[in-house]
């Protein structure tokens, strides 16, 4: 039987849009945020506001979690009482970025209760979220993925199963390593080009048709670099645990600390 009732825990900038897309695709959507204003905004587009994560457990077949930290993920899934009230076979999708270890630990905890869980981090940013065209990397059991996939397709143009629990999060980490490396290389190269008198907007347009083209370059000046420090910390911690040398990533981590959207925009002036 196909899923009819879903939920979104965390109705911030991205969670609100994801819930809105689910409503627009015909799902009955319950939701909850710690900010009353976010609840009111979501209610206005058809989301039914619940009093607690535990109450969401009484009604939802697929629950999407979009909160800020590992601790918050654990709070809403493990400590809220929701697991005791979800029906057996329900699926939780953790769209938040969290650690690989957290994803694996949550699978063990949820499976012991008869609940399925996927780590389903999203990429491509706010604009793609608004448009329902994000990419979703999914780690966990194939059967749980097949059940939840139609729900995730409400906000994801590409929803892909990439392996066991934690592999969704690992795939996003690798994506982020490549993103920030490209952004650092773009900034260095464009700064050099500007000093040499280049028209940077024209050069960027031309480079889109070259072997140096990349997503960061195509959106130059739009990305903020906001999450670079957190993303690189996650990547470097994983590499340290795996005893895998990542010297380029270590350099990118340092370079991104000195970069911001204003500096990127200045190259376009």
C-alpha atoms as a PDB file:
ATOM      1  CA  UNK A   1       0.000   0.000   0.000  1.00  0.00           C
ATOM      2  CA  UNK A   2       1.371   3.428  -0.906  1.00  0.00           C
ATOM      3  CA  UNK A   3       2.110   6.022   1.733  1.00  0.00           C
ATOM      4  CA  UNK A   4      -0.619   8.598   2.327  1.00  0.00           C
ATOM      5  CA  UNK A   5       0.449  10.378   5.520  1.00  0.00           C
ATOM      6  CA  UNK A   6       3.811  12.045   6.058  1.00  0.00           C
ATOM      7  CA  UNK A   7       5.421  14.443   8.512  1.00  0.00           C
ATOM      8  CA  UNK A   8       8.167  17.048   8.615  1.00  0.00           C
ATOM      9  CA  UNK A   9       9.967  17.732  11.889  1.00  0.00           C
ATOM     10  CA  UNK A  10      11.773  21.037  11.462  1.00  0.00           C
ATOM     11  CA  UNK A  11       9.949  23.665   9.420  1.00  0.00           C
ATOM     12  CA  UNK A  12      12.768  26.142   8.858  1.00  0.00           C
ATOM     13  CA  UNK A  13      13.799  27.538   5.487  1.00  0.00           C
ATOM     14  CA  UNK A  14      14.277  24.111   3.923  1.00  0.00           C
ATOM     15  CA  UNK A  15      11.888  21.994   5.974  1.00  0.00           C
ATOM     16  CA  UNK A  16       9.018  24.365   5.215  1.00  0.00           C
ATOM     17  CA  UNK A  17       9.595  24.084   1.484  1.00  0.00           C
ATOM     18  CA  UNK A  18       9.909  20.302   1.644  1.00  0.00           C
ATOM     19  CA  UNK A  19       6.644  20.058   3.574  1.00  0.00           C
ATOM     20  CA  UNK A  20       4.963  22.413   1.095  1.00  0.00           C
ATOM     21  CA  UNK A  21       6.029  20.207  -1.805  1.00  0.00           C
ATOM     22  CA  UNK A  22       4.588  17.137  -0.057  1.00  0.00           C
ATOM     23  CA  UNK A  23       1.267  18.925   0.464  1.00  0.00           C
ATOM     24  CA  UNK A  24       1.207  19.973  -3.189  1.00  0.00           C
ATOM     25  CA  UNK A  25       1.763  16.346  -4.244  1.00  0.00           C
ATOM     26  CA  UNK A  26      -1.345  15.274  -2.361  1.00  0.00           C
ATOM     27  CA  UNK A  27       0.059  13.879   0.883  1.00  0.00           C
ATOM     28  CA  UNK A  28      -1.533  14.532   4.247  1.00  0.00           C
ATOM     29  CA  UNK A  29       1.359  16.277   5.981  1.00  0.00           C
ATOM     30  CA  UNK A  30       1.870  16.825   9.689  1.00  0.00           C
ATOM     31  CA  UNK A  31       4.617  19.072  10.969  1.00  0.00           C
ATOM     32  CA  UNK A  32       6.336  20.650  13.924  1.00  0.00           C
ATOM     33  CA  UNK A  33       8.948  23.319  14.620  1.00  0.00           C
ATOM     34  CA  UNK A  34      10.252  24.865  17.836  1.00  0.00           C
ATOM     35  CA  UNK A  35       9.544  28.301  16.334  1.00  0.00           C
ATOM     36  CA  UNK A  36       5.804  29.159  16.467  1.00  0.00           C
ATOM     37  CA  UNK A  37       6.189  31.479  13.445  1.00  0.00           C
ATOM     38  CA  UNK A  38       7.440  28.584  11.339  1.00  0.00           C
ATOM     39  CA  UNK A  39       4.451  26.509  12.438  1.00  0.00           C
ATOM     40  CA  UNK A  40       2.049  29.258  11.388  1.00  0.00           C
ATOM     41  CA  UNK A  41       3.757  29.653   8.028  1.00  0.00           C
ATOM     42  CA  UNK A  42       3.535  25.918   7.354  1.00  0.00           C
ATOM     43  CA  UNK A  43      -0.064  25.757   8.535  1.00  0.00           C
ATOM     44  CA  UNK A  44      -0.969  28.398   5.944  1.00  0.00           C
ATOM     45  CA  UNK A  45       0.089  26.046   3.117  1.00  0.00           C
ATOM     46  CA  UNK A  46      -1.780  23.028   4.445  1.00  0.00           C
ATOM     47  CA  UNK A  47       0.558  21.406   6.968  1.00  0.00           C
ATOM     48  CA  UNK A  48      -1.239  20.084  10.064  1.00  0.00           C
ATOM     49  CA  UNK A  49       0.723  21.195  13.111  1.00  0.00           C
ATOM     50  CA  UNK A  50       1.357  18.579  15.803  1.00  0.00           C
ATOM     51  CA  UNK A  51       2.063  19.248  19.466  1.00  0.00           C
ATOM     52  CA  UNK A  52       5.136  17.000  19.694  1.00  0.00           C
ATOM     53  CA  UNK A  53       7.243  14.460  17.797  1.00  0.00           C
ATOM     54  CA  UNK A  54       5.528  11.753  19.828  1.00  0.00           C
ATOM     55  CA  UNK A  55       2.145  12.890  18.510  1.00  0.00           C
ATOM     56  CA  UNK A  56       3.516  12.715  14.979  1.00  0.00           C
ATOM     57  CA  UNK A  57       4.269   9.059  15.707  1.00  0.00           C
ATOM     58  CA  UNK A  58       0.532   8.393  15.990  1.00  0.00           C
ATOM     59  CA  UNK A  59      -0.251   9.532  12.438  1.00  0.00           C
ATOM     60  CA  UNK A  60       2.710   9.471  10.049  1.00  0.00           C
ATOM     61  CA  UNK A  61       3.893   6.597   7.865  1.00  0.00           C
ATOM     62  CA  UNK A  62       7.013   8.439   6.659  1.00  0.00           C
ATOM     63  CA  UNK A  63       8.644  11.080   8.877  1.00  0.00           C
ATOM     64  CA  UNK A  64      11.243  13.484   7.451  1.00  0.00           C
ATOM     65  CA  UNK A  65      13.575  15.105   9.993  1.00  0.00           C
ATOM     66  CA  UNK A  66      15.233  18.408   9.074  1.00  0.00           C
ATOM     67  CA  UNK A  67      16.884  19.881  12.168  1.00  0.00           C
ATOM     68  CA  UNK A  68      20.312  21.418  12.740  1.00  0.00           C
ATOM     69  CA  UNK A  69      22.530  19.051  14.736  1.00  0.00           C
ATOM     70  CA  UNK A  70      23.180  15.423  15.623  1.00  0.00           C
ATOM     71  CA  UNK A  71      21.932  16.118  19.141  1.00  0.00           C
ATOM     72  CA  UNK A  72      18.661  17.532  17.821  1.00  0.00           C
ATOM     73  CA  UNK A  73      18.232  14.541  15.515  1.00  0.00           C
ATOM     74  CA  UNK A  74      18.665  12.192  18.464  1.00  0.00           C
ATOM     75  CA  UNK A  75      16.294  14.267  20.592  1.00  0.00           C
ATOM     76  CA  UNK A  76      13.383  14.171  18.144  1.00  0.00           C
ATOM     77  CA  UNK A  77      13.856  10.523  17.163  1.00  0.00           C
ATOM     78  CA  UNK A  78      15.058   8.769  20.317  1.00  0.00           C
ATOM     79  CA  UNK A  79      14.228  10.937  23.311  1.00  0.00           C
ATOM     80  CA  UNK A  80      10.823  12.305  22.284  1.00  0.00           C
ATOM     81  CA  UNK A  81       8.854   9.072  22.578  1.00  0.00           C
ATOM     82  CA  UNK A  82       8.077   9.044  18.855  1.00  0.00           C
ATOM     83  CA  UNK A  83       9.562   5.576  18.305  1.00  0.00           C
ATOM     84  CA  UNK A  84       7.126   4.060  20.786  1.00  0.00           C
ATOM     85  CA  UNK A  85       4.148   5.465  18.891  1.00  0.00           C
ATOM     86  CA  UNK A  86       5.094   4.960  15.248  1.00  0.00           C
ATOM     87  CA  UNK A  87       3.543   1.911  13.588  1.00  0.00           C
ATOM     88  CA  UNK A  88       5.869  -0.993  12.810  1.00  0.00           C
ATOM     89  CA  UNK A  89       7.349  -0.572   9.347  1.00  0.00           C
ATOM     90  CA  UNK A  90       7.137   3.217   9.365  1.00  0.00           C
ATOM     91  CA  UNK A  91      10.153   4.981   7.853  1.00  0.00           C
ATOM     92  CA  UNK A  92      12.091   7.920   9.274  1.00  0.00           C
ATOM     93  CA  UNK A  93      14.155   9.928   6.763  1.00  0.00           C
ATOM     94  CA  UNK A  94      16.948  11.996   8.333  1.00  0.00           C
ATOM     95  CA  UNK A  95      17.437  14.828   5.856  1.00  0.00           C
ATOM     96  CA  UNK A  96      19.631  16.697   8.338  1.00  0.00           C
ATOM     97  CA  UNK A  97      23.377  16.457   7.914  1.00  0.00           C
ATOM     98  CA  UNK A  98      24.720  14.266  10.713  1.00  0.00           C
ATOM     99  CA  UNK A  99      27.671  11.980  11.307  1.00  0.00           C
ATOM    100  CA  UNK A 100      28.030   8.540   9.756  1.00  0.00           C
ATOM    101  CA  UNK A 101      28.237   7.032  13.254  1.00  0.00           C
ATOM    102  CA  UNK A 102      25.002   8.737  14.298  1.00  0.00           C
ATOM    103  CA  UNK A 103      23.238   7.333  11.228  1.00  0.00           C
ATOM    104  CA  UNK A 104      24.411   3.802  12.028  1.00  0.00           C
ATOM    105  CA  UNK A 105      23.498   4.079  15.707  1.00  0.00           C
ATOM    106  CA  UNK A 106      20.028   5.371  14.880  1.00  0.00           C
ATOM    107  CA  UNK A 107      19.403   2.435  12.538  1.00  0.00           C
ATOM    108  CA  UNK A 108      20.194  -0.017  15.346  1.00  0.00           C
ATOM    109  CA  UNK A 109      17.922   1.813  17.784  1.00  0.00           C
ATOM    110  CA  UNK A 110      15.027   2.195  15.337  1.00  0.00           C
ATOM    111  CA  UNK A 111      15.199  -1.351  13.970  1.00  0.00           C
ATOM    112  CA  UNK A 112      14.971  -2.707  17.525  1.00  0.00           C
ATOM    113  CA  UNK A 113      11.573  -0.980  17.711  1.00  0.00           C
ATOM    114  CA  UNK A 114      10.444  -2.293  14.320  1.00  0.00           C
ATOM    115  CA  UNK A 115      10.945   1.109  12.679  1.00  0.00           C
ATOM    116  CA  UNK A 116      12.960   1.683   9.505  1.00  0.00           C
ATOM    117  CA  UNK A 117      15.280   4.654   9.100  1.00  0.00           C
ATOM    118  CA  UNK A 118      17.252   6.155   6.225  1.00  0.00           C
ATOM    119  CA  UNK A 119      19.896   8.857   6.234  1.00  0.00           C
ATOM    120  CA  UNK A 120      18.729  11.124   3.401  1.00  0.00           C
ATOM    121  CA  UNK A 121      20.831  14.326   3.331  1.00  0.00           C
ATOM    122  CA  UNK A 122      20.041  16.788   0.548  1.00  0.00           C
ATOM    123  CA  UNK A 123      22.267  18.934  -1.652  1.00  0.00           C
ATOM    124  CA  UNK A 124      22.083  21.818  -4.167  1.00  0.00           C
ATOM    125  CA  UNK A 125      20.930  24.447  -1.684  1.00  0.00           C
ATOM    126  CA  UNK A 126      17.956  26.652  -0.953  1.00  0.00           C
ATOM    127  CA  UNK A 127      17.033  27.487  -4.533  1.00  0.00           C
ATOM    128  CA  UNK A 128      16.740  23.801  -5.439  1.00  0.00           C
ATOM    129  CA  UNK A 129      14.777  23.221  -2.236  1.00  0.00           C
ATOM    130  CA  UNK A 130      12.343  25.987  -3.151  1.00  0.00           C
ATOM    131  CA  UNK A 131      11.908  24.490  -6.614  1.00  0.00           C
ATOM    132  CA  UNK A 132      11.679  20.865  -5.468  1.00  0.00           C
ATOM    133  CA  UNK A 133      14.766  19.896  -7.477  1.00  0.00           C
ATOM    134  CA  UNK A 134      17.256  18.831  -4.815  1.00  0.00           C
ATOM    135  CA  UNK A 135      19.401  15.722  -4.992  1.00  0.00           C
ATOM    136  CA  UNK A 136      18.827  13.285  -2.124  1.00  0.00           C
ATOM    137  CA  UNK A 137      21.498  10.742  -1.103  1.00  0.00           C
ATOM    138  CA  UNK A 138      19.912   7.789   0.720  1.00  0.00           C
ATOM    139  CA  UNK A 139      21.642   5.279   2.991  1.00  0.00           C
ATOM    140  CA  UNK A 140      19.852   2.334   4.568  1.00  0.00           C
ATOM    141  CA  UNK A 141      17.820  -0.725   3.647  1.00  0.00           C
ATOM    142  CA  UNK A 142      16.585  -1.036   0.073  1.00  0.00           C
ATOM    143  CA  UNK A 143      12.995  -1.865   1.124  1.00  0.00           C
ATOM    144  CA  UNK A 144      12.778   1.238   3.313  1.00  0.00           C
ATOM    145  CA  UNK A 145      14.157   3.304   0.436  1.00  0.00           C
ATOM    146  CA  UNK A 146      11.537   1.993  -1.991  1.00  0.00           C
ATOM    147  CA  UNK A 147       8.739   2.823   0.459  1.00  0.00           C
ATOM    148  CA  UNK A 148       9.942   6.358   1.157  1.00  0.00           C
ATOM    149  CA  UNK A 149      11.232   7.236  -2.317  1.00  0.00           C
ATOM    150  CA  UNK A 150       7.919   8.653  -3.676  1.00  0.00           C
ATOM    151  CA  UNK A 151       7.765  10.983  -0.665  1.00  0.00           C
ATOM    152  CA  UNK A 152      11.315  12.223  -1.208  1.00  0.00           C
ATOM    153  CA  UNK A 153      10.594  12.731  -4.896  1.00  0.00           C
ATOM    154  CA  UNK A 154       8.223  15.519  -3.860  1.00  0.00           C
ATOM    155  CA  UNK A 155      11.266  17.697  -3.165  1.00  0.00           C
ATOM    156  CA  UNK A 156      14.055  15.780  -4.913  1.00  0.00           C
ATOM    157  CA  UNK A 157      14.587  15.583  -8.669  1.00  0.00           C
ATOM    158  CA  UNK A 158      17.243  12.911  -8.092  1.00  0.00           C
ATOM    159  CA  UNK A 159      16.647  10.502  -5.206  1.00  0.00           C
ATOM    160  CA  UNK A 160      19.348   7.844  -5.087  1.00  0.00           C
ATOM    161  CA  UNK A 161      20.096   4.839  -2.890  1.00  0.00           C
ATOM    162  CA  UNK A 162      23.860   4.872  -2.293  1.00  0.00           C
ATOM    163  CA  UNK A 163      24.353   2.030   0.193  1.00  0.00           C
ATOM    164  CA  UNK A 164      23.866   0.976   3.795  1.00  0.00           C
ATOM    165  CA  UNK A 165      23.191   3.198   6.795  1.00  0.00           C
ATOM    166  CA  UNK A 166      25.588   6.138   6.908  1.00  0.00           C
ATOM    167  CA  UNK A 167      26.408   6.066   3.202  1.00  0.00           C
ATOM    168  CA  UNK A 168      23.984   8.912   2.454  1.00  0.00           C
ATOM    169  CA  UNK A 169      25.834  11.073   4.937  1.00  0.00           C
ATOM    170  CA  UNK A 170      29.227   9.942   3.636  1.00  0.00           C
ATOM    171  CA  UNK A 171      28.198  10.730   0.049  1.00  0.00           C
ATOM    172  CA  UNK A 172      27.178  14.238   1.091  1.00  0.00           C
ATOM    173  CA  UNK A 173      30.496  14.698   2.899  1.00  0.00           C
ATOM    174  CA  UNK A 174      32.427  13.701  -0.227  1.00  0.00           C
ATOM    175  CA  UNK A 175      30.236  16.043  -2.282  1.00  0.00           C
ATOM    176  CA  UNK A 176      31.020  18.866   0.120  1.00  0.00           C
ATOM    177  CA  UNK A 177      34.755  18.201  -0.040  1.00  0.00           C
ATOM    178  CA  UNK A 178      34.587  18.552  -3.822  1.00  0.00           C
ATOM    179  CA  UNK A 179      32.370  21.641  -3.619  1.00  0.00           C
ATOM    180  CA  UNK A 180      34.662  23.596  -1.309  1.00  0.00           C
ATOM    181  CA  UNK A 181      37.762  22.497  -3.233  1.00  0.00           C
ATOM    182  CA  UNK A 182      36.190  23.824  -6.435  1.00  0.00           C
ATOM    183  CA  UNK A 183      35.176  27.066  -4.729  1.00  0.00           C
ATOM    184  CA  UNK A 184      38.714  27.596  -3.418  1.00  0.00           C
ATOM    185  CA  UNK A 185      40.204  26.906  -6.853  1.00  0.00           C
ATOM    186  CA  UNK A 186      37.667  29.214  -8.506  1.00  0.00           C
ATOM    187  CA  UNK A 187      38.445  32.045  -6.107  1.00  0.00           C
ATOM    188  CA  UNK A 188      42.199  31.754  -6.596  1.00  0.00           C
ATOM    189  CA  UNK A 189      41.916  31.499 -10.377  1.00  0.00           C
ATOM    190  CA  UNK A 190      39.420  34.348 -10.775  1.00  0.00           C
ATOM    191  CA  UNK A 191      41.424  36.599  -8.458  1.00  0.00           C
ATOM    192  CA  UNK A 192      44.457  36.013 -10.659  1.00  0.00           C
ATOM    193  CA  UNK A 193      42.398  36.624 -13.809  1.00  0.00           C
ATOM    194  CA  UNK A 194      41.042  39.906 -12.429  1.00  0.00           C
ATOM    195  CA  UNK A 195      44.551  41.147 -11.601  1.00  0.00           C
ATOM    196  CA  UNK A 196      45.458  40.395 -15.203  1.00  0.00           C
ATOM    197  CA  UNK A 197      42.616  42.642 -16.390  1.00  0.00           C
ATOM    198  CA  UNK A 198      40.027  40.009 -17.332  1.00  0.00           C
ATOM    199  CA  UNK A 199      36.291  40.724 -17.561  1.00  0.00           C
ATOM    200  CA  UNK A 200      35.299  38.150 -14.946  1.00  0.00           C
ATOM    201  CA  UNK A 201      31.589  37.713 -15.843  1.00  0.00           C
ATOM    202  CA  UNK A 202      32.558  37.123 -19.485  1.00  0.00           C
ATOM    203  CA  UNK A 203      35.313  34.729 -18.459  1.00  0.00           C
ATOM    204  CA  UNK A 204      32.941  32.753 -16.228  1.00  0.00           C
ATOM    205  CA  UNK A 205      30.439  32.502 -19.074  1.00  0.00           C
ATOM    206  CA  UNK A 206      33.150  31.200 -21.408  1.00  0.00           C
ATOM    207  CA  UNK A 207      34.483  28.720 -18.839  1.00  0.00           C
ATOM    208  CA  UNK A 208      31.074  27.037 -18.601  1.00  0.00           C
ATOM    209  CA  UNK A 209      31.899  25.466 -21.974  1.00  0.00           C
ATOM    210  CA  UNK A 210      35.333  24.284 -20.903  1.00  0.00           C
ATOM    211  CA  UNK A 211      36.930  21.406 -19.040  1.00  0.00           C
ATOM    212  CA  UNK A 212      37.268  23.677 -15.998  1.00  0.00           C
ATOM    213  CA  UNK A 213      33.500  24.119 -15.642  1.00  0.00           C
ATOM    214  CA  UNK A 214      31.975  23.294 -12.252  1.00  0.00           C
ATOM    215  CA  UNK A 215      28.762  23.952 -10.311  1.00  0.00           C
ATOM    216  CA  UNK A 216      30.334  26.506  -7.958  1.00  0.00           C
ATOM    217  CA  UNK A 217      31.670  28.519 -10.899  1.00  0.00           C
ATOM    218  CA  UNK A 218      28.258  28.544 -12.619  1.00  0.00           C
ATOM    219  CA  UNK A 219      26.747  30.178  -9.516  1.00  0.00           C
ATOM    220  CA  UNK A 220      29.663  32.470  -8.653  1.00  0.00           C
ATOM    221  CA  UNK A 221      28.592  35.151  -6.196  1.00  0.00           C
ATOM    222  CA  UNK A 222      25.388  33.344  -5.235  1.00  0.00           C
ATOM    223  CA  UNK A 223      26.857  30.759  -2.861  1.00  0.00           C
ATOM    224  CA  UNK A 224      27.760  31.961   0.618  1.00  0.00           C
ATOM    225  CA  UNK A 225      30.303  29.394   1.766  1.00  0.00           C
ATOM    226  CA  UNK A 226      28.330  29.420   5.016  1.00  0.00           C
ATOM    227  CA  UNK A 227      28.715  25.754   5.932  1.00  0.00           C
ATOM    228  CA  UNK A 228      32.272  25.214   4.714  1.00  0.00           C
ATOM    229  CA  UNK A 229      33.885  25.113   8.149  1.00  0.00           C
ATOM    230  CA  UNK A 230      31.375  22.590   9.527  1.00  0.00           C
ATOM    231  CA  UNK A 231      31.511  20.455   6.386  1.00  0.00           C
ATOM    232  CA  UNK A 232      35.295  20.327   6.313  1.00  0.00           C
ATOM    233  CA  UNK A 233      35.478  19.545  10.035  1.00  0.00           C
ATOM    234  CA  UNK A 234      33.223  16.538   9.406  1.00  0.00           C
ATOM    235  CA  UNK A 235      35.359  15.399   6.476  1.00  0.00           C
ATOM    236  CA  UNK A 236      38.662  15.809   8.310  1.00  0.00           C
ATOM    237  CA  UNK A 237      37.354  13.992  11.393  1.00  0.00           C
ATOM    238  CA  UNK A 238      36.235  11.061   9.230  1.00  0.00           C
ATOM    239  CA  UNK A 239      39.615  10.979   7.485  1.00  0.00           C
ATOM    240  CA  UNK A 240      41.404  11.045  10.831  1.00  0.00           C
ATOM    241  CA  UNK A 241      39.344   8.092  12.093  1.00  0.00           C
ATOM    242  CA  UNK A 242      40.005   6.198   8.859  1.00  0.00           C
ATOM    243  CA  UNK A 243      43.735   7.051   9.012  1.00  0.00           C
ATOM    244  CA  UNK A 244      43.459   8.335   5.445  1.00  0.00           C
ATOM    245  CA  UNK A 245      45.659  11.311   4.459  1.00  0.00           C
ATOM    246  CA  UNK A 246      43.701  14.150   2.825  1.00  0.00           C
ATOM    247  CA  UNK A 247      46.241  16.975   2.437  1.00  0.00           C
ATOM    248  CA  UNK A 248      44.218  18.843  -0.198  1.00  0.00           C
ATOM    249  CA  UNK A 249      41.154  18.833   2.048  1.00  0.00           C
ATOM    250  CA  UNK A 250      43.233  20.185   4.943  1.00  0.00           C
ATOM    251  CA  UNK A 251      44.399  23.068   2.753  1.00  0.00           C
ATOM    252  CA  UNK A 252      40.858  23.729   1.495  1.00  0.00           C
ATOM    253  CA  UNK A 253      39.692  23.868   5.109  1.00  0.00           C
ATOM    254  CA  UNK A 254      42.148  26.694   5.787  1.00  0.00           C
ATOM    255  CA  UNK A 255      41.412  28.545   2.533  1.00  0.00           C
ATOM    256  CA  UNK A 256      37.648  28.522   3.099  1.00  0.00           C
ATOM    257  CA  UNK A 257      38.036  30.136   6.523  1.00  0.00           C
ATOM    258  CA  UNK A 258      39.096  33.347   4.778  1.00  0.00           C
ATOM    259  CA  UNK A 259      36.380  33.347   2.131  1.00  0.00           C
ATOM    260  CA  UNK A 260      32.872  34.780   2.141  1.00  0.00           C
ATOM    261  CA  UNK A 261      30.177  35.826  -0.316  1.00  0.00           C
ATOM    262  CA  UNK A 262      31.235  39.480  -0.310  1.00  0.00           C
ATOM    263  CA  UNK A 263      34.767  38.604  -1.426  1.00  0.00           C
ATOM    264  CA  UNK A 264      33.365  36.389  -4.167  1.00  0.00           C
ATOM    265  CA  UNK A 265      31.043  39.132  -5.404  1.00  0.00           C
ATOM    266  CA  UNK A 266      33.873  41.662  -5.486  1.00  0.00           C
ATOM    267  CA  UNK A 267      35.519  39.707  -8.288  1.00  0.00           C
ATOM    268  CA  UNK A 268      32.451  40.337 -10.460  1.00  0.00           C
ATOM    269  CA  UNK A 269      32.558  44.106 -10.063  1.00  0.00           C
END
